[in-house]
Amino acid sequence: MTRELFDRQKPPALLTTAQAAKFLNVHPNTVRNWAETGLLPAYRIGPRRDRRFRREDVESLLTPGNPLPGEF
């Protein structure tokens, strides 16, 4: 698979904290804080209770009229 084809694919349906942070261009701790405050819904999976985020929920933070916290 060429890099060009890979870059055009959508990210997986469930994102890790690091993937969500990279997508939103914020620090992973920011994503964790948003999950704790309920701004970004998170699902806990596995015995370690790792957070996963639905791609649609992460993308919804980037929609016009829905500023990220701290933006005015």
PDB file of N, CA and C in Angstrom:
ATOM      1  N   MET A   1       0.856  -1.171   0.000  1.00  0.00           N
ATOM      2  CA  MET A   1       0.000   0.000   0.000  1.00  0.00           C
ATOM      3  C   MET A   1       0.901   1.234   0.000  1.00  0.00           C
ATOM      4  N   THR A   2       0.636   2.153  -0.874  1.00  0.00           N
ATOM      5  CA  THR A   2       1.456   3.349  -0.922  1.00  0.00           C
ATOM      6  C   THR A   2       1.044   4.312   0.173  1.00  0.00           C
ATOM      7  N   ARG A   3       1.944   5.199   0.524  1.00  0.00           N
ATOM      8  CA  ARG A   3       1.667   6.179   1.575  1.00  0.00           C
ATOM      9  C   ARG A   3       0.502   7.072   1.170  1.00  0.00           C
ATOM     10  N   GLU A   4       0.413   7.431  -0.100  1.00  0.00           N
ATOM     11  CA  GLU A   4      -0.672   8.292  -0.570  1.00  0.00           C
ATOM     12  C   GLU A   4      -2.028   7.643  -0.319  1.00  0.00           C
ATOM     13  N   LEU A   5      -2.165   6.360  -0.599  1.00  0.00           N
ATOM     14  CA  LEU A   5      -3.434   5.684  -0.372  1.00  0.00           C
ATOM     15  C   LEU A   5      -3.751   5.599   1.112  1.00  0.00           C
ATOM     16  N   PHE A   6      -2.733   5.364   1.935  1.00  0.00           N
ATOM     17  CA  PHE A   6      -2.953   5.271   3.368  1.00  0.00           C
ATOM     18  C   PHE A   6      -3.422   6.612   3.933  1.00  0.00           C
ATOM     19  N   ASP A   7      -2.822   7.719   3.510  1.00  0.00           N
ATOM     20  CA  ASP A   7      -3.176   9.035   4.026  1.00  0.00           C
ATOM     21  C   ASP A   7      -4.601   9.429   3.665  1.00  0.00           C
ATOM     22  N   ARG A   8      -5.124   8.909   2.586  1.00  0.00           N
ATOM     23  CA  ARG A   8      -6.476   9.267   2.156  1.00  0.00           C
ATOM     24  C   ARG A   8      -7.554   8.491   2.895  1.00  0.00           C
ATOM     25  N   GLN A   9      -7.181   7.418   3.567  1.00  0.00           N
ATOM     26  CA  GLN A   9      -8.168   6.628   4.284  1.00  0.00           C
ATOM     27  C   GLN A   9      -8.602   7.357   5.543  1.00  0.00           C
ATOM     28  N   LYS A  10      -9.848   7.110   5.937  1.00  0.00           N
ATOM     29  CA  LYS A  10     -10.333   7.675   7.188  1.00  0.00           C
ATOM     30  C   LYS A  10      -9.675   6.948   8.350  1.00  0.00           C
ATOM     31  N   PRO A  11      -9.510   7.661   9.471  1.00  0.00           N
ATOM     32  CA  PRO A  11      -8.971   6.979  10.640  1.00  0.00           C
ATOM     33  C   PRO A  11      -9.938   5.908  11.119  1.00  0.00           C
ATOM     34  N   PRO A  12      -9.488   5.016  11.987  1.00  0.00           N
ATOM     35  CA  PRO A  12     -10.382   3.951  12.460  1.00  0.00           C
ATOM     36  C   PRO A  12     -11.593   4.520  13.182  1.00  0.00           C
ATOM     37  N   ALA A  13     -12.626   3.705  13.342  1.00  0.00           N
ATOM     38  CA  ALA A  13     -13.869   4.156  13.968  1.00  0.00           C
ATOM     39  C   ALA A  13     -13.650   4.549  15.425  1.00  0.00           C
ATOM     40  N   LEU A  14     -12.758   3.857  16.132  1.00  0.00           N
ATOM     41  CA  LEU A  14     -12.430   4.207  17.507  1.00  0.00           C
ATOM     42  C   LEU A  14     -10.975   4.670  17.571  1.00  0.00           C
ATOM     43  N   LEU A  15     -10.767   5.823  18.171  1.00  0.00           N
ATOM     44  CA  LEU A  15      -9.436   6.403  18.259  1.00  0.00           C
ATOM     45  C   LEU A  15      -8.895   6.280  19.678  1.00  0.00           C
ATOM     46  N   THR A  16      -7.600   6.103  19.786  1.00  0.00           N
ATOM     47  CA  THR A  16      -6.945   6.146  21.091  1.00  0.00           C
ATOM     48  C   THR A  16      -6.839   7.606  21.522  1.00  0.00           C
ATOM     49  N   THR A  17      -6.428   7.809  22.754  1.00  0.00           N
ATOM     50  CA  THR A  17      -6.229   9.177  23.250  1.00  0.00           C
ATOM     51  C   THR A  17      -5.185   9.892  22.402  1.00  0.00           C
ATOM     52  N   ALA A  18      -4.101   9.220  22.085  1.00  0.00           N
ATOM     53  CA  ALA A  18      -3.034   9.832  21.281  1.00  0.00           C
ATOM     54  C   ALA A  18      -3.519  10.168  19.875  1.00  0.00           C
ATOM     55  N   GLN A  19      -4.297   9.286  19.263  1.00  0.00           N
ATOM     56  CA  GLN A  19      -4.810   9.546  17.920  1.00  0.00           C
ATOM     57  C   GLN A  19      -5.776  10.722  17.923  1.00  0.00           C
ATOM     58  N   ALA A  20      -6.651  10.777  18.935  1.00  0.00           N
ATOM     59  CA  ALA A  20      -7.598  11.891  19.031  1.00  0.00           C
ATOM     60  C   ALA A  20      -6.856  13.207  19.241  1.00  0.00           C
ATOM     61  N   ALA A  21      -5.832  13.184  20.072  1.00  0.00           N
ATOM     62  CA  ALA A  21      -5.043  14.390  20.325  1.00  0.00           C
ATOM     63  C   ALA A  21      -4.349  14.872  19.059  1.00  0.00           C
ATOM     64  N   LYS A  22      -3.780  13.948  18.321  1.00  0.00           N
ATOM     65  CA  LYS A  22      -3.103  14.317  17.075  1.00  0.00           C
ATOM     66  C   LYS A  22      -4.107  14.890  16.072  1.00  0.00           C
ATOM     67  N   PHE A  23      -5.272  14.276  15.976  1.00  0.00           N
ATOM     68  CA  PHE A  23      -6.310  14.734  15.053  1.00  0.00           C
ATOM     69  C   PHE A  23      -6.764  16.153  15.409  1.00  0.00           C
ATOM     70  N   LEU A  24      -6.877  16.444  16.714  1.00  0.00           N
ATOM     71  CA  LEU A  24      -7.351  17.753  17.178  1.00  0.00           C
ATOM     72  C   LEU A  24      -6.218  18.757  17.378  1.00  0.00           C
ATOM     73  N   ASN A  25      -4.974  18.295  17.224  1.00  0.00           N
ATOM     74  CA  ASN A  25      -3.795  19.137  17.393  1.00  0.00           C
ATOM     75  C   ASN A  25      -3.720  19.703  18.817  1.00  0.00           C
ATOM     76  N   VAL A  26      -3.941  18.838  19.803  1.00  0.00           N
ATOM     77  CA  VAL A  26      -3.830  19.204  21.213  1.00  0.00           C
ATOM     78  C   VAL A  26      -3.015  18.136  21.931  1.00  0.00           C
ATOM     79  N   HIS A  27      -2.656  18.398  23.159  1.00  0.00           N
ATOM     80  CA  HIS A  27      -1.902  17.443  23.968  1.00  0.00           C
ATOM     81  C   HIS A  27      -2.840  16.320  24.430  1.00  0.00           C
ATOM     82  N   PRO A  28      -2.340  15.097  24.556  1.00  0.00           N
ATOM     83  CA  PRO A  28      -3.187  14.003  25.042  1.00  0.00           C
ATOM     84  C   PRO A  28      -3.850  14.282  26.396  1.00  0.00           C
ATOM     85  N   ASN A  29      -3.160  15.018  27.280  1.00  0.00           N
ATOM     86  CA  ASN A  29      -3.777  15.364  28.564  1.00  0.00           C
ATOM     87  C   ASN A  29      -5.015  16.236  28.372  1.00  0.00           C
ATOM     88  N   THR A  30      -5.015  17.061  27.343  1.00  0.00           N
ATOM     89  CA  THR A  30      -6.185  17.887  27.048  1.00  0.00           C
ATOM     90  C   THR A  30      -7.359  17.008  26.666  1.00  0.00           C
ATOM     91  N   VAL A  31      -7.119  16.000  25.854  1.00  0.00           N
ATOM     92  CA  VAL A  31      -8.175  15.070  25.466  1.00  0.00           C
ATOM     93  C   VAL A  31      -8.698  14.339  26.701  1.00  0.00           C
ATOM     94  N   ARG A  32      -7.810  13.929  27.576  1.00  0.00           N
ATOM     95  CA  ARG A  32      -8.238  13.252  28.813  1.00  0.00           C
ATOM     96  C   ARG A  32      -9.105  14.176  29.669  1.00  0.00           C
ATOM     97  N   ASN A  33      -8.695  15.441  29.781  1.00  0.00           N
ATOM     98  CA  ASN A  33      -9.479  16.404  30.555  1.00  0.00           C
ATOM     99  C   ASN A  33     -10.860  16.610  29.944  1.00  0.00           C
ATOM    100  N   TRP A  34     -10.927  16.710  28.630  1.00  0.00           N
ATOM    101  CA  TRP A  34     -12.218  16.890  27.964  1.00  0.00           C
ATOM    102  C   TRP A  34     -13.107  15.671  28.189  1.00  0.00           C
ATOM    103  N   ALA A  35     -12.508  14.493  28.231  1.00  0.00           N
ATOM    104  CA  ALA A  35     -13.282  13.277  28.500  1.00  0.00           C
ATOM    105  C   ALA A  35     -13.801  13.287  29.937  1.00  0.00           C
ATOM    106  N   GLU A  36     -12.966  13.697  30.880  1.00  0.00           N
ATOM    107  CA  GLU A  36     -13.375  13.737  32.286  1.00  0.00           C
ATOM    108  C   GLU A  36     -14.490  14.743  32.531  1.00  0.00           C
ATOM    109  N   THR A  37     -14.480  15.865  31.809  1.00  0.00           N
ATOM    110  CA  THR A  37     -15.503  16.895  32.000  1.00  0.00           C
ATOM    111  C   THR A  37     -16.749  16.631  31.172  1.00  0.00           C
ATOM    112  N   GLY A  38     -16.701  15.630  30.298  1.00  0.00           N
ATOM    113  CA  GLY A  38     -17.870  15.287  29.493  1.00  0.00           C
ATOM    114  C   GLY A  38     -17.962  16.002  28.165  1.00  0.00           C
ATOM    115  N   LEU A  39     -16.976  16.835  27.842  1.00  0.00           N
ATOM    116  CA  LEU A  39     -16.999  17.529  26.555  1.00  0.00           C
ATOM    117  C   LEU A  39     -16.828  16.554  25.394  1.00  0.00           C
ATOM    118  N   LEU A  40     -16.012  15.540  25.604  1.00  0.00           N
ATOM    119  CA  LEU A  40     -15.738  14.539  24.581  1.00  0.00           C
ATOM    120  C   LEU A  40     -16.079  13.163  25.145  1.00  0.00           C
ATOM    121  N   PRO A  41     -17.147  12.545  24.642  1.00  0.00           N
ATOM    122  CA  PRO A  41     -17.519  11.222  25.163  1.00  0.00           C
ATOM    123  C   PRO A  41     -16.410  10.201  24.939  1.00  0.00           C
ATOM    124  N   ALA A  42     -16.162   9.395  25.963  1.00  0.00           N
ATOM    125  CA  ALA A  42     -15.127   8.370  25.885  1.00  0.00           C
ATOM    126  C   ALA A  42     -15.720   7.036  26.309  1.00  0.00           C
ATOM    127  N   TYR A  43     -15.159   5.989  25.769  1.00  0.00           N
ATOM    128  CA  TYR A  43     -15.554   4.621  26.101  1.00  0.00           C
ATOM    129  C   TYR A  43     -14.345   3.951  26.714  1.00  0.00           C
ATOM    130  N   ARG A  44     -14.545   3.268  27.834  1.00  0.00           N
ATOM    131  CA  ARG A  44     -13.454   2.586  28.510  1.00  0.00           C
ATOM    132  C   ARG A  44     -13.494   1.114  28.110  1.00  0.00           C
ATOM    133  N   ILE A  45     -12.354   0.611  27.642  1.00  0.00           N
ATOM    134  CA  ILE A  45     -12.305  -0.769  27.164  1.00  0.00           C
ATOM    135  C   ILE A  45     -11.148  -1.515  27.818  1.00  0.00           C
ATOM    136  N   GLY A  46     -11.275  -2.822  27.844  1.00  0.00           N
ATOM    137  CA  GLY A  46     -10.210  -3.702  28.312  1.00  0.00           C
ATOM    138  C   GLY A  46      -9.994  -3.643  29.804  1.00  0.00           C
ATOM    139  N   PRO A  47      -9.129  -4.525  30.279  1.00  0.00           N
ATOM    140  CA  PRO A  47      -8.870  -4.596  31.722  1.00  0.00           C
ATOM    141  C   PRO A  47      -8.174  -3.346  32.265  1.00  0.00           C
ATOM    142  N   ARG A  48      -7.439  -2.627  31.408  1.00  0.00           N
ATOM    143  CA  ARG A  48      -6.777  -1.392  31.847  1.00  0.00           C
ATOM    144  C   ARG A  48      -7.709  -0.189  31.771  1.00  0.00           C
ATOM    145  N   ARG A  49      -8.901  -0.403  31.229  1.00  0.00           N
ATOM    146  CA  ARG A  49      -9.913   0.660  31.091  1.00  0.00           C
ATOM    147  C   ARG A  49      -9.395   1.818  30.243  1.00  0.00           C
ATOM    148  N   ASP A  50      -8.697   1.478  29.152  1.00  0.00           N
ATOM    149  CA  ASP A  50      -8.194   2.501  28.237  1.00  0.00           C
ATOM    150  C   ASP A  50      -9.350   3.260  27.604  1.00  0.00           C
ATOM    151  N   ARG A  51      -9.134   4.534  27.353  1.00  0.00           N
ATOM    152  CA  ARG A  51     -10.154   5.350  26.705  1.00  0.00           C
ATOM    153  C   ARG A  51     -10.101   5.164  25.195  1.00  0.00           C
ATOM    154  N   ARG A  52     -11.284   5.141  24.591  1.00  0.00           N
ATOM    155  CA  ARG A  52     -11.407   5.171  23.139  1.00  0.00           C
ATOM    156  C   ARG A  52     -12.468   6.209  22.806  1.00  0.00           C
ATOM    157  N   PHE A  53     -12.283   6.849  21.672  1.00  0.00           N
ATOM    158  CA  PHE A  53     -13.164   7.926  21.250  1.00  0.00           C
ATOM    159  C   PHE A  53     -13.713   7.626  19.866  1.00  0.00           C
ATOM    160  N   ARG A  54     -15.013   7.806  19.700  1.00  0.00           N
ATOM    161  CA  ARG A  54     -15.601   7.620  18.376  1.00  0.00           C
ATOM    162  C   ARG A  54     -15.104   8.721  17.457  1.00  0.00           C
ATOM    163  N   ARG A  55     -14.746   8.347  16.246  1.00  0.00           N
ATOM    164  CA  ARG A  55     -14.250   9.308  15.261  1.00  0.00           C
ATOM    165  C   ARG A  55     -15.242  10.441  15.062  1.00  0.00           C
ATOM    166  N   GLU A  56     -16.531  10.108  15.023  1.00  0.00           N
ATOM    167  CA  GLU A  56     -17.565  11.118  14.801  1.00  0.00           C
ATOM    168  C   GLU A  56     -17.596  12.136  15.938  1.00  0.00           C
ATOM    169  N   ASP A  57     -17.401  11.682  17.167  1.00  0.00           N
ATOM    170  CA  ASP A  57     -17.399  12.599  18.308  1.00  0.00           C
ATOM    171  C   ASP A  57     -16.208  13.550  18.244  1.00  0.00           C
ATOM    172  N   VAL A  58     -15.053  13.017  17.859  1.00  0.00           N
ATOM    173  CA  VAL A  58     -13.851  13.851  17.737  1.00  0.00           C
ATOM    174  C   VAL A  58     -14.028  14.859  16.612  1.00  0.00           C
ATOM    175  N   GLU A  59     -14.537  14.413  15.472  1.00  0.00           N
ATOM    176  CA  GLU A  59     -14.746  15.313  14.340  1.00  0.00           C
ATOM    177  C   GLU A  59     -15.758  16.404  14.672  1.00  0.00           C
ATOM    178  N   SER A  60     -16.735  16.091  15.526  1.00  0.00           N
ATOM    179  CA  SER A  60     -17.768  17.081  15.842  1.00  0.00           C
ATOM    180  C   SER A  60     -17.192  18.284  16.581  1.00  0.00           C
ATOM    181  N   LEU A  61     -16.063  18.107  17.256  1.00  0.00           N
ATOM    182  CA  LEU A  61     -15.435  19.246  17.925  1.00  0.00           C
ATOM    183  C   LEU A  61     -14.862  20.246  16.932  1.00  0.00           C
ATOM    184  N   LEU A  62     -14.675  19.829  15.708  1.00  0.00           N
ATOM    185  CA  LEU A  62     -14.085  20.707  14.691  1.00  0.00           C
ATOM    186  C   LEU A  62     -15.122  21.377  13.811  1.00  0.00           C
ATOM    187  N   THR A  63     -16.404  21.131  14.053  1.00  0.00           N
ATOM    188  CA  THR A  63     -17.438  21.731  13.213  1.00  0.00           C
ATOM    189  C   THR A  63     -17.555  23.209  13.505  1.00  0.00           C
ATOM    190  N   PRO A  64     -17.860  24.009  12.489  1.00  0.00           N
ATOM    191  CA  PRO A  64     -18.033  25.455  12.710  1.00  0.00           C
ATOM    192  C   PRO A  64     -19.149  25.712  13.720  1.00  0.00           C
ATOM    193  N   GLY A  65     -18.937  26.710  14.563  1.00  0.00           N
ATOM    194  CA  GLY A  65     -19.916  27.041  15.575  1.00  0.00           C
ATOM    195  C   GLY A  65     -19.771  26.222  16.843  1.00  0.00           C
ATOM    196  N   ASN A  66     -18.822  25.306  16.876  1.00  0.00           N
ATOM    197  CA  ASN A  66     -18.574  24.491  18.061  1.00  0.00           C
ATOM    198  C   ASN A  66     -17.103  24.670  18.452  1.00  0.00           C
ATOM    199  N   PRO A  67     -16.756  25.842  19.029  1.00  0.00           N
ATOM    200  CA  PRO A  67     -15.342  26.083  19.336  1.00  0.00           C
ATOM    201  C   PRO A  67     -14.828  25.162  20.422  1.00  0.00           C
ATOM    202  N   LEU A  68     -13.551  24.871  20.337  1.00  0.00           N
ATOM    203  CA  LEU A  68     -12.906  24.083  21.378  1.00  0.00           C
ATOM    204  C   LEU A  68     -12.815  24.939  22.630  1.00  0.00           C
ATOM    205  N   PRO A  69     -12.786  24.335  23.789  1.00  0.00           N
ATOM    206  CA  PRO A  69     -12.674  25.115  25.034  1.00  0.00           C
ATOM    207  C   PRO A  69     -11.462  26.042  24.995  1.00  0.00           C
ATOM    208  N   GLY A  70     -11.650  27.241  25.485  1.00  0.00           N
ATOM    209  CA  GLY A  70     -10.567  28.216  25.485  1.00  0.00           C
ATOM    210  C   GLY A  70     -10.536  29.075  24.241  1.00  0.00           C
ATOM    211  N   GLU A  71     -11.335  28.753  23.233  1.00  0.00           N
ATOM    212  CA  GLU A  71     -11.397  29.567  22.018  1.00  0.00           C
ATOM    213  C   GLU A  71     -12.591  30.500  22.108  1.00  0.00           C
ATOM    214  N   PHE A  72     -12.395  31.708  21.614  1.00  0.00           N
ATOM    215  CA  PHE A  72     -13.484  32.684  21.635  1.00  0.00           C
ATOM    216  C   PHE A  72     -13.757  33.195  20.254  1.00  0.00           C
TER     217      PHE A  72
END
